[in-house]
Amino acid sequence: MKSILFIIVLVSSLVSMARAIPGTATFYQQYTPSACYGSTPEGVMIAAASDPLWDGGAICGKIFTVKCTGATNPVPHPCYDGKTVTVKIVDHCPGCGGTLDLSKEAFESIADPVAGVIKIEYW
C-alpha cells in the first residue's frame, strides 16, 4: 500500500512540474488594500499578478506553487535549493517588473531577498 501511495505522489509531482511556467518574481511589503479583497487581510503567503496574468481580476484567489530557478542579476545563487512556496493571488501589480510580485515572506522562503528579482517556475 505504501509503494502505491508513493507512486501516486511521485507521478502527480512530475505532472505538476511538467506544467510549470517560467517567469520572474519580485516582492512587495504592503498587503492591504488589495485589488481583489480590499482591506480584508488574506495572510502573508500571497502574491500580486502582473498585467499579462491579471485578466480583469479573473485570477483573484488562484493558488500557485512557485519555485526559484535562478538569478536575474549579479547576486550569486539566490535560490534556496528545492524550496517551493504556495501563494494566493490577492492583488494586481500594474507595470510590475515580474510575472508575480510575491509578498516578502513568500519571496524570502524560496530566495534571498537581497536578489530583488529572481527567475521562477510556477504552476
PDB file of N, CA and C in Angstrom:
ATOM      1  N   MET A   1       0.817  -1.194   0.000  1.00  0.00           N
ATOM      2  CA  MET A   1       0.000   0.000   0.000  1.00  0.00           C
ATOM      3  C   MET A   1       0.865   1.263   0.000  1.00  0.00           C
ATOM      4  N   LYS A   2       1.953   1.249   0.796  1.00  0.00           N
ATOM      5  CA  LYS A   2       2.826   2.410   0.857  1.00  0.00           C
ATOM      6  C   LYS A   2       3.479   2.674  -0.493  1.00  0.00           C
ATOM      7  N   SER A   3       3.851   1.620  -1.210  1.00  0.00           N
ATOM      8  CA  SER A   3       4.507   1.819  -2.502  1.00  0.00           C
ATOM      9  C   SER A   3       3.533   2.400  -3.526  1.00  0.00           C
ATOM     10  N   ILE A   4       2.277   2.030  -3.468  1.00  0.00           N
ATOM     11  CA  ILE A   4       1.273   2.589  -4.384  1.00  0.00           C
ATOM     12  C   ILE A   4       1.084   4.075  -4.091  1.00  0.00           C
ATOM     13  N   LEU A   5       1.002   4.434  -2.829  1.00  0.00           N
ATOM     14  CA  LEU A   5       0.853   5.831  -2.442  1.00  0.00           C
ATOM     15  C   LEU A   5       2.071   6.634  -2.892  1.00  0.00           C
ATOM     16  N   PHE A   6       3.260   6.090  -2.722  1.00  0.00           N
ATOM     17  CA  PHE A   6       4.481   6.757  -3.147  1.00  0.00           C
ATOM     18  C   PHE A   6       4.456   7.006  -4.656  1.00  0.00           C
ATOM     19  N   ILE A   7       4.047   6.025  -5.432  1.00  0.00           N
ATOM     20  CA  ILE A   7       3.980   6.150  -6.892  1.00  0.00           C
ATOM     21  C   ILE A   7       2.982   7.235  -7.283  1.00  0.00           C
ATOM     22  N   ILE A   8       1.838   7.282  -6.630  1.00  0.00           N
ATOM     23  CA  ILE A   8       0.823   8.300  -6.932  1.00  0.00           C
ATOM     24  C   ILE A   8       1.374   9.699  -6.654  1.00  0.00           C
ATOM     25  N   VAL A   9       2.019   9.874  -5.504  1.00  0.00           N
ATOM     26  CA  VAL A   9       2.602  11.175  -5.152  1.00  0.00           C
ATOM     27  C   VAL A   9       3.693  11.558  -6.150  1.00  0.00           C
ATOM     28  N   LEU A  10       4.546  10.626  -6.496  1.00  0.00           N
ATOM     29  CA  LEU A  10       5.624  10.888  -7.443  1.00  0.00           C
ATOM     30  C   LEU A  10       5.079  11.300  -8.803  1.00  0.00           C
ATOM     31  N   VAL A  11       4.115  10.584  -9.323  1.00  0.00           N
ATOM     32  CA  VAL A  11       3.538  10.882 -10.632  1.00  0.00           C
ATOM     33  C   VAL A  11       2.861  12.249 -10.625  1.00  0.00           C
ATOM     34  N   SER A  12       2.100  12.550  -9.570  1.00  0.00           N
ATOM     35  CA  SER A  12       1.419  13.840  -9.543  1.00  0.00           C
ATOM     36  C   SER A  12       2.419  14.979  -9.418  1.00  0.00           C
ATOM     37  N   SER A  13       3.525  14.780  -8.723  1.00  0.00           N
ATOM     38  CA  SER A  13       4.574  15.803  -8.642  1.00  0.00           C
ATOM     39  C   SER A  13       5.208  16.043 -10.001  1.00  0.00           C
ATOM     40  N   LEU A  14       5.487  14.976 -10.722  1.00  0.00           N
ATOM     41  CA  LEU A  14       6.086  15.102 -12.045  1.00  0.00           C
ATOM     42  C   LEU A  14       5.145  15.783 -13.021  1.00  0.00           C
ATOM     43  N   VAL A  15       3.858  15.474 -12.949  1.00  0.00           N
ATOM     44  CA  VAL A  15       2.872  16.110 -13.823  1.00  0.00           C
ATOM     45  C   VAL A  15       2.805  17.599 -13.516  1.00  0.00           C
ATOM     46  N   SER A  16       2.784  17.965 -12.242  1.00  0.00           N
ATOM     47  CA  SER A  16       2.747  19.376 -11.864  1.00  0.00           C
ATOM     48  C   SER A  16       3.959  20.113 -12.388  1.00  0.00           C
ATOM     49  N   MET A  17       5.138  19.549 -12.228  1.00  0.00           N
ATOM     50  CA  MET A  17       6.350  20.210 -12.673  1.00  0.00           C
ATOM     51  C   MET A  17       6.432  20.277 -14.188  1.00  0.00           C
ATOM     52  N   ALA A  18       5.831  19.325 -14.873  1.00  0.00           N
ATOM     53  CA  ALA A  18       5.834  19.340 -16.329  1.00  0.00           C
ATOM     54  C   ALA A  18       5.010  20.509 -16.855  1.00  0.00           C
ATOM     55  N   ARG A  19       4.059  20.971 -16.066  1.00  0.00           N
ATOM     56  CA  ARG A  19       3.218  22.088 -16.470  1.00  0.00           C
ATOM     57  C   ARG A  19       3.738  23.420 -15.953  1.00  0.00           C
ATOM     58  N   ALA A  20       4.928  23.452 -15.378  1.00  0.00           N
ATOM     59  CA  ALA A  20       5.484  24.671 -14.810  1.00  0.00           C
ATOM     60  C   ALA A  20       5.678  25.729 -15.896  1.00  0.00           C
ATOM     61  N   ILE A  21       5.380  26.964 -15.529  1.00  0.00           N
ATOM     62  CA  ILE A  21       5.500  28.103 -16.437  1.00  0.00           C
ATOM     63  C   ILE A  21       6.676  28.952 -15.962  1.00  0.00           C
ATOM     64  N   PRO A  22       7.597  29.302 -16.859  1.00  0.00           N
ATOM     65  CA  PRO A  22       8.711  30.149 -16.445  1.00  0.00           C
ATOM     66  C   PRO A  22       8.276  31.606 -16.314  1.00  0.00           C
ATOM     67  N   GLY A  23       8.954  32.325 -15.440  1.00  0.00           N
ATOM     68  CA  GLY A  23       8.671  33.746 -15.268  1.00  0.00           C
ATOM     69  C   GLY A  23       9.699  34.374 -14.358  1.00  0.00           C
ATOM     70  N   THR A  24       9.357  35.547 -13.831  1.00  0.00           N
ATOM     71  CA  THR A  24      10.218  36.218 -12.860  1.00  0.00           C
ATOM     72  C   THR A  24       9.355  36.672 -11.686  1.00  0.00           C
ATOM     73  N   ALA A  25      10.004  36.861 -10.556  1.00  0.00           N
ATOM     74  CA  ALA A  25       9.286  37.324  -9.365  1.00  0.00           C
ATOM     75  C   ALA A  25      10.053  38.441  -8.686  1.00  0.00           C
ATOM     76  N   THR A  26       9.283  39.383  -8.163  1.00  0.00           N
ATOM     77  CA  THR A  26       9.778  40.454  -7.316  1.00  0.00           C
ATOM     78  C   THR A  26       9.050  40.292  -5.987  1.00  0.00           C
ATOM     79  N   PHE A  27       9.211  41.256  -5.070  1.00  0.00           N
ATOM     80  CA  PHE A  27       8.428  41.182  -3.839  1.00  0.00           C
ATOM     81  C   PHE A  27       7.963  42.562  -3.392  1.00  0.00           C
ATOM     82  N   TYR A  28       6.911  42.553  -2.580  1.00  0.00           N
ATOM     83  CA  TYR A  28       6.351  43.790  -2.030  1.00  0.00           C
ATOM     84  C   TYR A  28       6.034  43.581  -0.565  1.00  0.00           C
ATOM     85  N   GLN A  29       5.719  44.694   0.150  1.00  0.00           N
ATOM     86  CA  GLN A  29       5.539  44.598   1.596  1.00  0.00           C
ATOM     87  C   GLN A  29       4.254  45.218   2.132  1.00  0.00           C
ATOM     88  N   GLN A  30       3.487  45.934   1.316  1.00  0.00           N
ATOM     89  CA  GLN A  30       2.221  46.498   1.789  1.00  0.00           C
ATOM     90  C   GLN A  30       1.086  45.677   1.184  1.00  0.00           C
ATOM     91  N   TYR A  31       0.388  44.914   2.027  1.00  0.00           N
ATOM     92  CA  TYR A  31      -0.545  43.908   1.531  1.00  0.00           C
ATOM     93  C   TYR A  31      -2.005  44.351   1.465  1.00  0.00           C
ATOM     94  N   THR A  32      -2.373  45.384   2.170  1.00  0.00           N
ATOM     95  CA  THR A  32      -3.747  45.890   2.078  1.00  0.00           C
ATOM     96  C   THR A  32      -3.702  47.400   1.900  1.00  0.00           C
ATOM     97  N   PRO A  33      -4.646  47.973   1.172  1.00  0.00           N
ATOM     98  CA  PRO A  33      -5.733  47.271   0.485  1.00  0.00           C
ATOM     99  C   PRO A  33      -5.217  46.536  -0.748  1.00  0.00           C
ATOM    100  N   SER A  34      -5.983  45.538  -1.170  1.00  0.00           N
ATOM    101  CA  SER A  34      -5.617  44.789  -2.367  1.00  0.00           C
ATOM    102  C   SER A  34      -6.725  44.914  -3.408  1.00  0.00           C
ATOM    103  N   ALA A  35      -6.355  44.714  -4.658  1.00  0.00           N
ATOM    104  CA  ALA A  35      -7.325  44.838  -5.750  1.00  0.00           C
ATOM    105  C   ALA A  35      -8.400  43.756  -5.699  1.00  0.00           C
ATOM    106  N   CYS A  36      -8.097  42.620  -5.095  1.00  0.00           N
ATOM    107  CA  CYS A  36      -9.063  41.522  -5.043  1.00  0.00           C
ATOM    108  C   CYS A  36      -9.940  41.548  -3.788  1.00  0.00           C
ATOM    109  N   TYR A  37      -9.362  41.910  -2.654  1.00  0.00           N
ATOM    110  CA  TYR A  37     -10.064  41.756  -1.371  1.00  0.00           C
ATOM    111  C   TYR A  37     -10.181  43.035  -0.556  1.00  0.00           C
ATOM    112  N   GLY A  38      -9.845  44.184  -1.138  1.00  0.00           N
ATOM    113  CA  GLY A  38      -9.964  45.450  -0.427  1.00  0.00           C
ATOM    114  C   GLY A  38      -9.106  45.454   0.832  1.00  0.00           C
ATOM    115  N   SER A  39      -9.711  45.801   1.956  1.00  0.00           N
ATOM    116  CA  SER A  39      -8.981  45.899   3.225  1.00  0.00           C
ATOM    117  C   SER A  39      -8.982  44.604   4.031  1.00  0.00           C
ATOM    118  N   THR A  40      -9.530  43.536   3.471  1.00  0.00           N
ATOM    119  CA  THR A  40      -9.567  42.251   4.173  1.00  0.00           C
ATOM    120  C   THR A  40      -8.214  41.561   4.040  1.00  0.00           C
ATOM    121  N   PRO A  41      -7.519  41.321   5.156  1.00  0.00           N
ATOM    122  CA  PRO A  41      -6.222  40.632   5.080  1.00  0.00           C
ATOM    123  C   PRO A  41      -6.391  39.181   4.621  1.00  0.00           C
ATOM    124  N   GLU A  42      -5.467  38.730   3.795  1.00  0.00           N
ATOM    125  CA  GLU A  42      -5.504  37.360   3.282  1.00  0.00           C
ATOM    126  C   GLU A  42      -4.266  36.572   3.681  1.00  0.00           C
ATOM    127  N   GLY A  43      -3.627  36.979   4.771  1.00  0.00           N
ATOM    128  CA  GLY A  43      -2.417  36.306   5.220  1.00  0.00           C
ATOM    129  C   GLY A  43      -1.187  36.910   4.585  1.00  0.00           C
ATOM    130  N   VAL A  44      -0.062  36.190   4.694  1.00  0.00           N
ATOM    131  CA  VAL A  44       1.187  36.717   4.141  1.00  0.00           C
ATOM    132  C   VAL A  44       1.763  35.865   3.010  1.00  0.00           C
ATOM    133  N   MET A  45       1.248  34.688   2.779  1.00  0.00           N
ATOM    134  CA  MET A  45       1.725  33.877   1.649  1.00  0.00           C
ATOM    135  C   MET A  45       0.830  34.189   0.452  1.00  0.00           C
ATOM    136  N   ILE A  46       1.076  35.384  -0.088  1.00  0.00           N
ATOM    137  CA  ILE A  46       0.220  35.958  -1.121  1.00  0.00           C
ATOM    138  C   ILE A  46       1.082  36.512  -2.251  1.00  0.00           C
ATOM    139  N   ALA A  47       0.398  36.917  -3.335  1.00  0.00           N
ATOM    140  CA  ALA A  47       1.106  37.496  -4.478  1.00  0.00           C
ATOM    141  C   ALA A  47       0.177  38.413  -5.259  1.00  0.00           C
ATOM    142  N   ALA A  48       0.797  39.287  -6.024  1.00  0.00           N
ATOM    143  CA  ALA A  48       0.074  40.149  -6.957  1.00  0.00           C
ATOM    144  C   ALA A  48       0.407  39.680  -8.371  1.00  0.00           C
ATOM    145  N   ALA A  49      -0.578  39.740  -9.248  1.00  0.00           N
ATOM    146  CA  ALA A  49      -0.411  39.293 -10.636  1.00  0.00           C
ATOM    147  C   ALA A  49      -0.008  40.458 -11.530  1.00  0.00           C
ATOM    148  N   SER A  50       0.902  40.200 -12.452  1.00  0.00           N
ATOM    149  CA  SER A  50       1.315  41.200 -13.433  1.00  0.00           C
ATOM    150  C   SER A  50       0.190  41.403 -14.454  1.00  0.00           C
ATOM    151  N   ASP A  51       0.336  42.443 -15.270  1.00  0.00           N
ATOM    152  CA  ASP A  51      -0.686  42.757 -16.274  1.00  0.00           C
ATOM    153  C   ASP A  51      -1.060  41.569 -17.164  1.00  0.00           C
ATOM    154  N   PRO A  52      -0.082  40.804 -17.709  1.00  0.00           N
ATOM    155  CA  PRO A  52      -0.461  39.688 -18.590  1.00  0.00           C
ATOM    156  C   PRO A  52      -1.302  38.605 -17.899  1.00  0.00           C
ATOM    157  N   LEU A  53      -1.166  38.458 -16.581  1.00  0.00           N
ATOM    158  CA  LEU A  53      -1.940  37.446 -15.850  1.00  0.00           C
ATOM    159  C   LEU A  53      -3.256  37.973 -15.308  1.00  0.00           C
ATOM    160  N   TRP A  54      -3.378  39.276 -15.140  1.00  0.00           N
ATOM    161  CA  TRP A  54      -4.481  39.883 -14.401  1.00  0.00           C
ATOM    162  C   TRP A  54      -5.854  39.533 -14.968  1.00  0.00           C
ATOM    163  N   ASP A  55      -6.062  39.663 -16.253  1.00  0.00           N
ATOM    164  CA  ASP A  55      -7.313  39.292 -16.922  1.00  0.00           C
ATOM    165  C   ASP A  55      -8.545  39.888 -16.235  1.00  0.00           C
ATOM    166  N   GLY A  56      -8.480  41.180 -15.963  1.00  0.00           N
ATOM    167  CA  GLY A  56      -9.632  41.864 -15.366  1.00  0.00           C
ATOM    168  C   GLY A  56      -9.985  41.382 -13.970  1.00  0.00           C
ATOM    169  N   GLY A  57      -9.057  40.733 -13.294  1.00  0.00           N
ATOM    170  CA  GLY A  57      -9.301  40.238 -11.939  1.00  0.00           C
ATOM    171  C   GLY A  57      -9.752  38.789 -11.879  1.00  0.00           C
ATOM    172  N   ALA A  58      -9.873  38.139 -13.032  1.00  0.00           N
ATOM    173  CA  ALA A  58     -10.321  36.736 -13.042  1.00  0.00           C
ATOM    174  C   ALA A  58      -9.358  35.819 -12.291  1.00  0.00           C
ATOM    175  N   ILE A  59      -8.132  36.251 -12.119  1.00  0.00           N
ATOM    176  CA  ILE A  59      -7.127  35.428 -11.440  1.00  0.00           C
ATOM    177  C   ILE A  59      -7.193  35.541  -9.913  1.00  0.00           C
ATOM    178  N   CYS A  60      -7.982  36.470  -9.400  1.00  0.00           N
ATOM    179  CA  CYS A  60      -8.104  36.647  -7.941  1.00  0.00           C
ATOM    180  C   CYS A  60      -8.449  35.317  -7.263  1.00  0.00           C
ATOM    181  N   GLY A  61      -7.713  34.996  -6.220  1.00  0.00           N
ATOM    182  CA  GLY A  61      -7.967  33.780  -5.450  1.00  0.00           C
ATOM    183  C   GLY A  61      -7.266  32.540  -5.976  1.00  0.00           C
ATOM    184  N   LYS A  62      -6.685  32.618  -7.166  1.00  0.00           N
ATOM    185  CA  LYS A  62      -5.993  31.447  -7.715  1.00  0.00           C
ATOM    186  C   LYS A  62      -4.764  31.148  -6.869  1.00  0.00           C
ATOM    187  N   ILE A  63      -4.490  29.868  -6.694  1.00  0.00           N
ATOM    188  CA  ILE A  63      -3.357  29.402  -5.899  1.00  0.00           C
ATOM    189  C   ILE A  63      -2.255  28.915  -6.844  1.00  0.00           C
ATOM    190  N   PHE A  64      -1.025  29.354  -6.595  1.00  0.00           N
ATOM    191  CA  PHE A  64       0.129  28.910  -7.371  1.00  0.00           C
ATOM    192  C   PHE A  64       1.203  28.368  -6.441  1.00  0.00           C
ATOM    193  N   THR A  65       1.930  27.382  -6.930  1.00  0.00           N
ATOM    194  CA  THR A  65       3.160  26.939  -6.290  1.00  0.00           C
ATOM    195  C   THR A  65       4.290  27.581  -7.079  1.00  0.00           C
ATOM    196  N   VAL A  66       5.242  28.168  -6.366  1.00  0.00           N
ATOM    197  CA  VAL A  66       6.318  28.928  -7.005  1.00  0.00           C
ATOM    198  C   VAL A  66       7.662  28.369  -6.542  1.00  0.00           C
ATOM    199  N   LYS A  67       8.586  28.244  -7.498  1.00  0.00           N
ATOM    200  CA  LYS A  67       9.932  27.761  -7.197  1.00  0.00           C
ATOM    201  C   LYS A  67      10.951  28.702  -7.837  1.00  0.00           C
ATOM    202  N   CYS A  68      11.958  29.100  -7.084  1.00  0.00           N
ATOM    203  CA  CYS A  68      13.054  29.909  -7.617  1.00  0.00           C
ATOM    204  C   CYS A  68      13.937  29.015  -8.487  1.00  0.00           C
ATOM    205  N   THR A  69      14.302  29.521  -9.681  1.00  0.00           N
ATOM    206  CA  THR A  69      15.147  28.740 -10.577  1.00  0.00           C
ATOM    207  C   THR A  69      16.481  29.408 -10.891  1.00  0.00           C
ATOM    208  N   GLY A  70      16.663  30.668 -10.485  1.00  0.00           N
ATOM    209  CA  GLY A  70      17.936  31.316 -10.749  1.00  0.00           C
ATOM    210  C   GLY A  70      17.912  32.813 -10.574  1.00  0.00           C
ATOM    211  N   ALA A  71      19.069  33.398 -10.774  1.00  0.00           N
ATOM    212  CA  ALA A  71      19.256  34.839 -10.619  1.00  0.00           C
ATOM    213  C   ALA A  71      18.933  35.574 -11.909  1.00  0.00           C
ATOM    214  N   THR A  72      18.518  36.822 -11.761  1.00  0.00           N
ATOM    215  CA  THR A  72      18.339  37.700 -12.921  1.00  0.00           C
ATOM    216  C   THR A  72      19.352  38.835 -12.876  1.00  0.00           C
ATOM    217  N   ASN A  73      20.163  38.858 -11.822  1.00  0.00           N
ATOM    218  CA  ASN A  73      21.151  39.922 -11.631  1.00  0.00           C
ATOM    219  C   ASN A  73      22.412  39.317 -11.016  1.00  0.00           C
ATOM    220  N   PRO A  74      23.402  40.131 -10.675  1.00  0.00           N
ATOM    221  CA  PRO A  74      24.682  39.589 -10.192  1.00  0.00           C
ATOM    222  C   PRO A  74      24.673  38.880  -8.829  1.00  0.00           C
ATOM    223  N   VAL A  75      23.562  38.871  -8.107  1.00  0.00           N
ATOM    224  CA  VAL A  75      23.552  38.166  -6.818  1.00  0.00           C
ATOM    225  C   VAL A  75      23.708  36.675  -7.108  1.00  0.00           C
ATOM    226  N   PRO A  76      24.807  36.076  -6.660  1.00  0.00           N
ATOM    227  CA  PRO A  76      25.032  34.663  -6.982  1.00  0.00           C
ATOM    228  C   PRO A  76      24.125  33.729  -6.178  1.00  0.00           C
ATOM    229  N   HIS A  77      23.553  32.792  -6.837  1.00  0.00           N
ATOM    230  CA  HIS A  77      22.780  31.717  -6.223  1.00  0.00           C
ATOM    231  C   HIS A  77      21.737  32.196  -5.206  1.00  0.00           C
ATOM    232  N   PRO A  78      20.747  32.973  -5.643  1.00  0.00           N
ATOM    233  CA  PRO A  78      19.767  33.480  -4.684  1.00  0.00           C
ATOM    234  C   PRO A  78      18.770  32.421  -4.208  1.00  0.00           C
ATOM    235  N   CYS A  79      18.621  31.338  -4.965  1.00  0.00           N
ATOM    236  CA  CYS A  79      17.598  30.338  -4.661  1.00  0.00           C
ATOM    237  C   CYS A  79      17.974  29.456  -3.483  1.00  0.00           C
ATOM    238  N   TYR A  80      16.965  29.134  -2.685  1.00  0.00           N
ATOM    239  CA  TYR A  80      17.119  28.130  -1.644  1.00  0.00           C
ATOM    240  C   TYR A  80      16.733  26.805  -2.296  1.00  0.00           C
ATOM    241  N   ASP A  81      17.720  25.979  -2.591  1.00  0.00           N
ATOM    242  CA  ASP A  81      17.560  24.760  -3.380  1.00  0.00           C
ATOM    243  C   ASP A  81      16.336  23.930  -3.005  1.00  0.00           C
ATOM    244  N   GLY A  82      15.535  23.668  -4.020  1.00  0.00           N
ATOM    245  CA  GLY A  82      14.404  22.759  -3.867  1.00  0.00           C
ATOM    246  C   GLY A  82      13.199  23.326  -3.148  1.00  0.00           C
ATOM    247  N   LYS A  83      13.298  24.535  -2.620  1.00  0.00           N
ATOM    248  CA  LYS A  83      12.185  25.106  -1.861  1.00  0.00           C
ATOM    249  C   LYS A  83      11.102  25.602  -2.806  1.00  0.00           C
ATOM    250  N   THR A  84       9.853  25.404  -2.400  1.00  0.00           N
ATOM    251  CA  THR A  84       8.714  25.976  -3.111  1.00  0.00           C
ATOM    252  C   THR A  84       7.854  26.701  -2.088  1.00  0.00           C
ATOM    253  N   VAL A  85       6.993  27.574  -2.587  1.00  0.00           N
ATOM    254  CA  VAL A  85       6.045  28.273  -1.728  1.00  0.00           C
ATOM    255  C   VAL A  85       4.704  28.294  -2.454  1.00  0.00           C
ATOM    256  N   THR A  86       3.637  28.169  -1.697  1.00  0.00           N
ATOM    257  CA  THR A  86       2.293  28.246  -2.251  1.00  0.00           C
ATOM    258  C   THR A  86       1.708  29.605  -1.887  1.00  0.00           C
ATOM    259  N   VAL A  87       1.245  30.327  -2.917  1.00  0.00           N
ATOM    260  CA  VAL A  87       0.707  31.672  -2.709  1.00  0.00           C
ATOM    261  C   VAL A  87      -0.678  31.805  -3.329  1.00  0.00           C
ATOM    262  N   LYS A  88      -1.427  32.744  -2.798  1.00  0.00           N
ATOM    263  CA  LYS A  88      -2.763  33.070  -3.304  1.00  0.00           C
ATOM    264  C   LYS A  88      -2.691  34.447  -3.957  1.00  0.00           C
ATOM    265  N   ILE A  89      -3.263  34.575  -5.149  1.00  0.00           N
ATOM    266  CA  ILE A  89      -3.293  35.874  -5.829  1.00  0.00           C
ATOM    267  C   ILE A  89      -4.347  36.751  -5.157  1.00  0.00           C
ATOM    268  N   VAL A  90      -3.886  37.890  -4.633  1.00  0.00           N
ATOM    269  CA  VAL A  90      -4.791  38.808  -3.928  1.00  0.00           C
ATOM    270  C   VAL A  90      -4.767  40.217  -4.500  1.00  0.00           C
ATOM    271  N   ASP A  91      -3.864  40.464  -5.452  1.00  0.00           N
ATOM    272  CA  ASP A  91      -3.690  41.838  -5.906  1.00  0.00           C
ATOM    273  C   ASP A  91      -3.232  41.894  -7.353  1.00  0.00           C
ATOM    274  N   HIS A  92      -3.240  43.095  -7.889  1.00  0.00           N
ATOM    275  CA  HIS A  92      -2.786  43.384  -9.245  1.00  0.00           C
ATOM    276  C   HIS A  92      -1.536  44.241  -9.121  1.00  0.00           C
ATOM    277  N   CYS A  93      -0.562  43.977  -9.948  1.00  0.00           N
ATOM    278  CA  CYS A  93       0.677  44.746  -9.941  1.00  0.00           C
ATOM    279  C   CYS A  93       0.857  45.365 -11.327  1.00  0.00           C
ATOM    280  N   PRO A  94       0.135  46.472 -11.599  1.00  0.00           N
ATOM    281  CA  PRO A  94       0.236  47.081 -12.927  1.00  0.00           C
ATOM    282  C   PRO A  94       1.653  47.588 -13.202  1.00  0.00           C
ATOM    283  N   GLY A  95       2.166  47.258 -14.357  1.00  0.00           N
ATOM    284  CA  GLY A  95       3.508  47.678 -14.730  1.00  0.00           C
ATOM    285  C   GLY A  95       4.608  46.993 -13.938  1.00  0.00           C
ATOM    286  N   CYS A  96       4.251  45.904 -13.290  1.00  0.00           N
ATOM    287  CA  CYS A  96       5.190  45.171 -12.438  1.00  0.00           C
ATOM    288  C   CYS A  96       6.370  44.656 -13.242  1.00  0.00           C
ATOM    289  N   GLY A  97       7.537  44.627 -12.606  1.00  0.00           N
ATOM    290  CA  GLY A  97       8.741  44.154 -13.272  1.00  0.00           C
ATOM    291  C   GLY A  97       8.845  42.646 -13.361  1.00  0.00           C
ATOM    292  N   GLY A  98       7.928  41.925 -12.729  1.00  0.00           N
ATOM    293  CA  GLY A  98       7.983  40.468 -12.754  1.00  0.00           C
ATOM    294  C   GLY A  98       6.649  39.876 -13.142  1.00  0.00           C
ATOM    295  N   THR A  99       6.625  38.575 -13.315  1.00  0.00           N
ATOM    296  CA  THR A  99       5.385  37.863 -13.601  1.00  0.00           C
ATOM    297  C   THR A  99       4.499  37.860 -12.369  1.00  0.00           C
ATOM    298  N   LEU A 100       5.127  37.538 -11.214  1.00  0.00           N
ATOM    299  CA  LEU A 100       4.429  37.547  -9.927  1.00  0.00           C
ATOM    300  C   LEU A 100       5.182  38.462  -8.974  1.00  0.00           C
ATOM    301  N   ASP A 101       4.440  39.247  -8.232  1.00  0.00           N
ATOM    302  CA  ASP A 101       5.008  40.083  -7.195  1.00  0.00           C
ATOM    303  C   ASP A 101       4.641  39.413  -5.876  1.00  0.00           C
ATOM    304  N   LEU A 102       5.588  38.695  -5.292  1.00  0.00           N
ATOM    305  CA  LEU A 102       5.336  37.910  -4.087  1.00  0.00           C
ATOM    306  C   LEU A 102       5.391  38.778  -2.843  1.00  0.00           C
ATOM    307  N   SER A 103       4.665  38.368  -1.812  1.00  0.00           N
ATOM    308  CA  SER A 103       4.858  39.016  -0.518  1.00  0.00           C
ATOM    309  C   SER A 103       6.311  38.779  -0.112  1.00  0.00           C
ATOM    310  N   LYS A 104       6.838  39.656   0.725  1.00  0.00           N
ATOM    311  CA  LYS A 104       8.236  39.480   1.147  1.00  0.00           C
ATOM    312  C   LYS A 104       8.419  38.136   1.838  1.00  0.00           C
ATOM    313  N   GLU A 105       7.439  37.727   2.654  1.00  0.00           N
ATOM    314  CA  GLU A 105       7.531  36.442   3.361  1.00  0.00           C
ATOM    315  C   GLU A 105       7.596  35.262   2.388  1.00  0.00           C
ATOM    316  N   ALA A 106       6.783  35.316   1.328  1.00  0.00           N
ATOM    317  CA  ALA A 106       6.801  34.239   0.332  1.00  0.00           C
ATOM    318  C   ALA A 106       8.128  34.231  -0.418  1.00  0.00           C
ATOM    319  N   PHE A 107       8.582  35.410  -0.835  1.00  0.00           N
ATOM    320  CA  PHE A 107       9.845  35.520  -1.572  1.00  0.00           C
ATOM    321  C   PHE A 107      10.997  34.971  -0.750  1.00  0.00           C
ATOM    322  N   GLU A 108      11.098  35.421   0.515  1.00  0.00           N
ATOM    323  CA  GLU A 108      12.243  35.007   1.315  1.00  0.00           C
ATOM    324  C   GLU A 108      12.181  33.556   1.769  1.00  0.00           C
ATOM    325  N   SER A 109      11.074  32.884   1.510  1.00  0.00           N
ATOM    326  CA  SER A 109      11.025  31.453   1.811  1.00  0.00           C
ATOM    327  C   SER A 109      11.636  30.613   0.689  1.00  0.00           C
ATOM    328  N   ILE A 110      11.819  31.220  -0.506  1.00  0.00           N
ATOM    329  CA  ILE A 110      12.413  30.484  -1.627  1.00  0.00           C
ATOM    330  C   ILE A 110      13.716  31.087  -2.126  1.00  0.00           C
ATOM    331  N   ALA A 111      14.004  32.346  -1.733  1.00  0.00           N
ATOM    332  CA  ALA A 111      15.210  33.011  -2.250  1.00  0.00           C
ATOM    333  C   ALA A 111      15.673  34.115  -1.307  1.00  0.00           C
ATOM    334  N   ASP A 112      16.918  34.496  -1.480  1.00  0.00           N
ATOM    335  CA  ASP A 112      17.496  35.598  -0.720  1.00  0.00           C
ATOM    336  C   ASP A 112      16.873  36.908  -1.204  1.00  0.00           C
ATOM    337  N   PRO A 113      16.197  37.662  -0.328  1.00  0.00           N
ATOM    338  CA  PRO A 113      15.559  38.907  -0.759  1.00  0.00           C
ATOM    339  C   PRO A 113      16.535  39.972  -1.275  1.00  0.00           C
ATOM    340  N   VAL A 114      17.817  39.835  -0.969  1.00  0.00           N
ATOM    341  CA  VAL A 114      18.818  40.772  -1.490  1.00  0.00           C
ATOM    342  C   VAL A 114      18.814  40.748  -3.020  1.00  0.00           C
ATOM    343  N   ALA A 115      18.441  39.617  -3.603  1.00  0.00           N
ATOM    344  CA  ALA A 115      18.397  39.491  -5.063  1.00  0.00           C
ATOM    345  C   ALA A 115      17.385  40.448  -5.680  1.00  0.00           C
ATOM    346  N   GLY A 116      16.266  40.681  -5.007  1.00  0.00           N
ATOM    347  CA  GLY A 116      15.250  41.610  -5.519  1.00  0.00           C
ATOM    348  C   GLY A 116      14.362  41.036  -6.607  1.00  0.00           C
ATOM    349  N   VAL A 117      14.959  40.421  -7.602  1.00  0.00           N
ATOM    350  CA  VAL A 117      14.239  39.805  -8.724  1.00  0.00           C
ATOM    351  C   VAL A 117      14.868  38.438  -8.965  1.00  0.00           C
ATOM    352  N   ILE A 118      14.017  37.430  -9.168  1.00  0.00           N
ATOM    353  CA  ILE A 118      14.522  36.070  -9.419  1.00  0.00           C
ATOM    354  C   ILE A 118      13.773  35.439 -10.591  1.00  0.00           C
ATOM    355  N   LYS A 119      14.397  34.462 -11.197  1.00  0.00           N
ATOM    356  CA  LYS A 119      13.706  33.624 -12.189  1.00  0.00           C
ATOM    357  C   LYS A 119      12.911  32.590 -11.417  1.00  0.00           C
ATOM    358  N   ILE A 120      11.708  32.283 -11.899  1.00  0.00           N
ATOM    359  CA  ILE A 120      10.853  31.315 -11.233  1.00  0.00           C
ATOM    360  C   ILE A 120      10.202  30.363 -12.227  1.00  0.00           C
ATOM    361  N   GLU A 121       9.651  29.303 -11.670  1.00  0.00           N
ATOM    362  CA  GLU A 121       8.676  28.463 -12.350  1.00  0.00           C
ATOM    363  C   GLU A 121       7.474  28.452 -11.434  1.00  0.00           C
ATOM    364  N   TYR A 122       6.287  28.500 -12.012  1.00  0.00           N
ATOM    365  CA  TYR A 122       5.067  28.453 -11.192  1.00  0.00           C
ATOM    366  C   TYR A 122       4.046  27.567 -11.869  1.00  0.00           C
ATOM    367  N   TRP A 123       3.230  26.930 -11.047  1.00  0.00           N
ATOM    368  CA  TRP A 123       2.199  26.040 -11.535  1.00  0.00           C
ATOM    369  C   TRP A 123       1.041  26.030 -10.589  1.00  0.00           C
TER     370      TRP A 123
END
